[in-house]
């Protein structure tokens, strides 16, 4: 499942600027489409585990994520 950057931010409880920095500096896997970042939910969770980043999945309504 692909998440918009704002949903990924909620998963990680970080700002968009932090998420963007992690994409460029810490190799958080993301895809840039039409100037917007999209993150695969599974890849995000795997990256978070490997990088000791806490995840808050309850803060994302998966019914609205695309």
N, C-alpha and C. Protein backbone atom coordinates (compact mmCIF):
# COMPACT_ATOMS: atom_id res chain seq x y z
N UNK A 1 0.84 -1.18 0.00
CA UNK A 1 0.00 0.00 0.00
C UNK A 1 0.88 1.24 0.00
N UNK A 2 0.60 2.14 -0.92
CA UNK A 2 1.35 3.39 -1.01
C UNK A 2 0.71 4.45 -0.11
N UNK A 3 1.54 5.14 0.64
CA UNK A 3 1.09 6.21 1.53
C UNK A 3 1.59 7.54 1.01
N UNK A 4 0.76 8.55 1.14
CA UNK A 4 1.21 9.91 0.86
C UNK A 4 2.20 10.29 1.95
N UNK A 5 3.05 11.25 1.66
CA UNK A 5 4.06 11.67 2.64
C UNK A 5 3.43 12.10 3.96
N UNK A 6 2.27 12.78 3.91
CA UNK A 6 1.63 13.23 5.15
C UNK A 6 1.21 12.04 6.01
N UNK A 7 0.78 10.94 5.38
CA UNK A 7 0.43 9.75 6.13
C UNK A 7 1.67 9.08 6.73
N UNK A 8 2.76 9.06 5.96
CA UNK A 8 4.01 8.53 6.47
C UNK A 8 4.49 9.34 7.67
N UNK A 9 4.31 10.65 7.61
CA UNK A 9 4.67 11.52 8.74
C UNK A 9 3.88 11.15 9.99
N UNK A 10 2.59 10.86 9.80
CA UNK A 10 1.77 10.46 10.95
C UNK A 10 2.23 9.11 11.50
N UNK A 11 2.57 8.18 10.63
CA UNK A 11 3.07 6.88 11.06
C UNK A 11 4.29 7.04 11.97
N UNK A 12 5.16 7.98 11.61
CA UNK A 12 6.41 8.15 12.33
C UNK A 12 6.37 9.28 13.35
N UNK A 13 5.26 10.02 13.37
CA UNK A 13 5.11 11.15 14.29
C UNK A 13 6.23 12.17 14.11
N UNK A 14 6.46 12.53 12.85
CA UNK A 14 7.50 13.52 12.51
C UNK A 14 6.92 14.54 11.54
N UNK A 15 7.61 15.64 11.38
CA UNK A 15 7.19 16.67 10.43
C UNK A 15 7.57 16.25 9.01
N UNK A 16 6.98 16.95 8.05
CA UNK A 16 7.30 16.68 6.65
C UNK A 16 8.77 17.00 6.36
N UNK A 17 9.30 18.03 6.99
CA UNK A 17 10.71 18.36 6.76
C UNK A 17 11.63 17.25 7.30
N UNK A 18 11.26 16.65 8.42
CA UNK A 18 12.06 15.53 8.95
C UNK A 18 11.96 14.33 8.03
N UNK A 19 10.76 14.02 7.57
CA UNK A 19 10.58 12.90 6.65
C UNK A 19 11.42 13.10 5.39
N UNK A 20 11.38 14.30 4.83
CA UNK A 20 12.15 14.61 3.63
C UNK A 20 13.64 14.47 3.88
N UNK A 21 14.09 14.92 5.03
CA UNK A 21 15.51 14.79 5.38
C UNK A 21 15.89 13.32 5.50
N UNK A 22 15.04 12.51 6.10
CA UNK A 22 15.32 11.07 6.22
C UNK A 22 15.35 10.40 4.86
N UNK A 23 14.52 10.85 3.94
CA UNK A 23 14.53 10.30 2.58
C UNK A 23 15.88 10.59 1.92
N UNK A 24 16.36 11.81 2.06
CA UNK A 24 17.61 12.19 1.39
C UNK A 24 18.86 11.77 2.16
N UNK A 25 18.82 11.82 3.49
CA UNK A 25 20.03 11.57 4.27
C UNK A 25 20.11 10.17 4.89
N UNK A 26 18.97 9.54 5.12
CA UNK A 26 18.96 8.25 5.82
C UNK A 26 18.36 7.13 4.98
N UNK A 27 18.21 7.38 3.69
CA UNK A 27 17.76 6.37 2.74
C UNK A 27 16.39 5.77 3.05
N UNK A 28 15.50 6.58 3.59
CA UNK A 28 14.13 6.11 3.76
C UNK A 28 13.57 5.92 2.35
N UNK A 29 13.08 4.72 2.02
CA UNK A 29 12.63 4.46 0.65
C UNK A 29 11.35 5.23 0.32
N UNK A 30 11.38 5.99 -0.75
CA UNK A 30 10.23 6.77 -1.19
C UNK A 30 10.31 6.96 -2.70
N UNK A 31 9.17 7.28 -3.27
CA UNK A 31 9.08 7.50 -4.71
C UNK A 31 8.56 8.91 -4.93
N UNK A 32 9.24 9.66 -5.76
CA UNK A 32 8.84 11.02 -6.08
C UNK A 32 8.00 10.99 -7.36
N UNK A 33 6.72 11.36 -7.24
CA UNK A 33 5.80 11.35 -8.37
C UNK A 33 5.15 12.73 -8.45
N UNK A 34 5.36 13.40 -9.56
CA UNK A 34 4.78 14.74 -9.77
C UNK A 34 5.09 15.68 -8.61
N UNK A 35 6.32 15.60 -8.11
CA UNK A 35 6.75 16.51 -7.06
C UNK A 35 6.30 16.14 -5.66
N UNK A 36 5.68 14.96 -5.50
CA UNK A 36 5.21 14.52 -4.18
C UNK A 36 5.81 13.17 -3.85
N UNK A 37 6.19 13.02 -2.59
CA UNK A 37 6.73 11.75 -2.14
C UNK A 37 5.61 10.78 -1.77
N UNK A 38 5.81 9.53 -2.16
CA UNK A 38 4.95 8.42 -1.79
C UNK A 38 5.83 7.35 -1.15
N UNK A 39 5.31 6.70 -0.13
CA UNK A 39 6.09 5.70 0.61
C UNK A 39 5.28 4.42 0.69
N UNK A 40 5.93 3.31 0.39
CA UNK A 40 5.28 2.01 0.54
C UNK A 40 5.23 1.67 2.02
N UNK A 41 4.05 1.30 2.51
CA UNK A 41 3.86 1.07 3.94
C UNK A 41 4.78 -0.02 4.47
N UNK A 42 4.93 -1.11 3.75
CA UNK A 42 5.79 -2.20 4.19
C UNK A 42 7.25 -1.75 4.25
N UNK A 43 7.69 -1.04 3.22
CA UNK A 43 9.07 -0.54 3.21
C UNK A 43 9.30 0.46 4.34
N UNK A 44 8.30 1.28 4.62
CA UNK A 44 8.41 2.24 5.72
C UNK A 44 8.57 1.53 7.05
N UNK A 45 7.76 0.50 7.29
CA UNK A 45 7.85 -0.24 8.55
C UNK A 45 9.18 -0.97 8.67
N UNK A 46 9.65 -1.56 7.58
CA UNK A 46 10.95 -2.24 7.61
C UNK A 46 12.07 -1.24 7.89
N UNK A 47 12.03 -0.07 7.23
CA UNK A 47 13.04 0.94 7.45
C UNK A 47 13.02 1.41 8.90
N UNK A 48 11.83 1.61 9.44
CA UNK A 48 11.71 2.08 10.83
C UNK A 48 12.32 1.07 11.80
N UNK A 49 12.07 -0.20 11.58
CA UNK A 49 12.63 -1.23 12.46
C UNK A 49 14.16 -1.21 12.38
N UNK A 50 14.69 -1.17 11.17
CA UNK A 50 16.14 -1.19 10.99
C UNK A 50 16.82 0.08 11.53
N UNK A 51 16.08 1.18 11.61
CA UNK A 51 16.66 2.45 12.04
C UNK A 51 16.20 2.86 13.44
N UNK A 52 15.58 1.92 14.17
CA UNK A 52 15.13 2.16 15.54
C UNK A 52 14.25 3.40 15.66
N UNK A 53 13.32 3.54 14.72
CA UNK A 53 12.38 4.65 14.73
C UNK A 53 11.02 4.10 15.15
N UNK A 54 10.42 4.72 16.15
CA UNK A 54 9.13 4.27 16.64
C UNK A 54 8.04 4.56 15.62
N UNK A 55 7.07 3.66 15.53
CA UNK A 55 5.99 3.76 14.56
C UNK A 55 4.67 3.89 15.31
N UNK A 56 3.77 4.72 14.77
CA UNK A 56 2.46 4.97 15.36
C UNK A 56 1.37 4.66 14.34
N UNK A 57 1.16 3.38 13.99
CA UNK A 57 0.20 3.04 12.93
C UNK A 57 -1.24 3.41 13.28
N UNK A 58 -1.56 3.49 14.56
CA UNK A 58 -2.93 3.81 14.95
C UNK A 58 -3.31 5.25 14.58
N UNK A 59 -2.32 6.07 14.25
CA UNK A 59 -2.61 7.45 13.91
C UNK A 59 -2.99 7.63 12.44
N UNK A 60 -2.97 6.56 11.66
CA UNK A 60 -3.28 6.64 10.24
C UNK A 60 -4.56 5.86 9.96
N UNK A 61 -5.49 6.49 9.29
CA UNK A 61 -6.73 5.82 8.89
C UNK A 61 -6.46 5.15 7.55
N UNK A 62 -6.25 3.84 7.56
CA UNK A 62 -5.89 3.12 6.34
C UNK A 62 -7.03 3.08 5.33
N UNK A 63 -8.23 3.40 5.75
CA UNK A 63 -9.35 3.42 4.80
C UNK A 63 -9.22 4.57 3.83
N UNK A 64 -8.54 5.65 4.26
CA UNK A 64 -8.39 6.81 3.38
C UNK A 64 -7.05 6.84 2.66
N UNK A 65 -6.07 6.04 3.13
CA UNK A 65 -4.76 5.98 2.47
C UNK A 65 -4.92 5.24 1.15
N UNK A 66 -4.17 5.68 0.14
CA UNK A 66 -4.25 5.04 -1.17
C UNK A 66 -3.05 4.21 -1.45
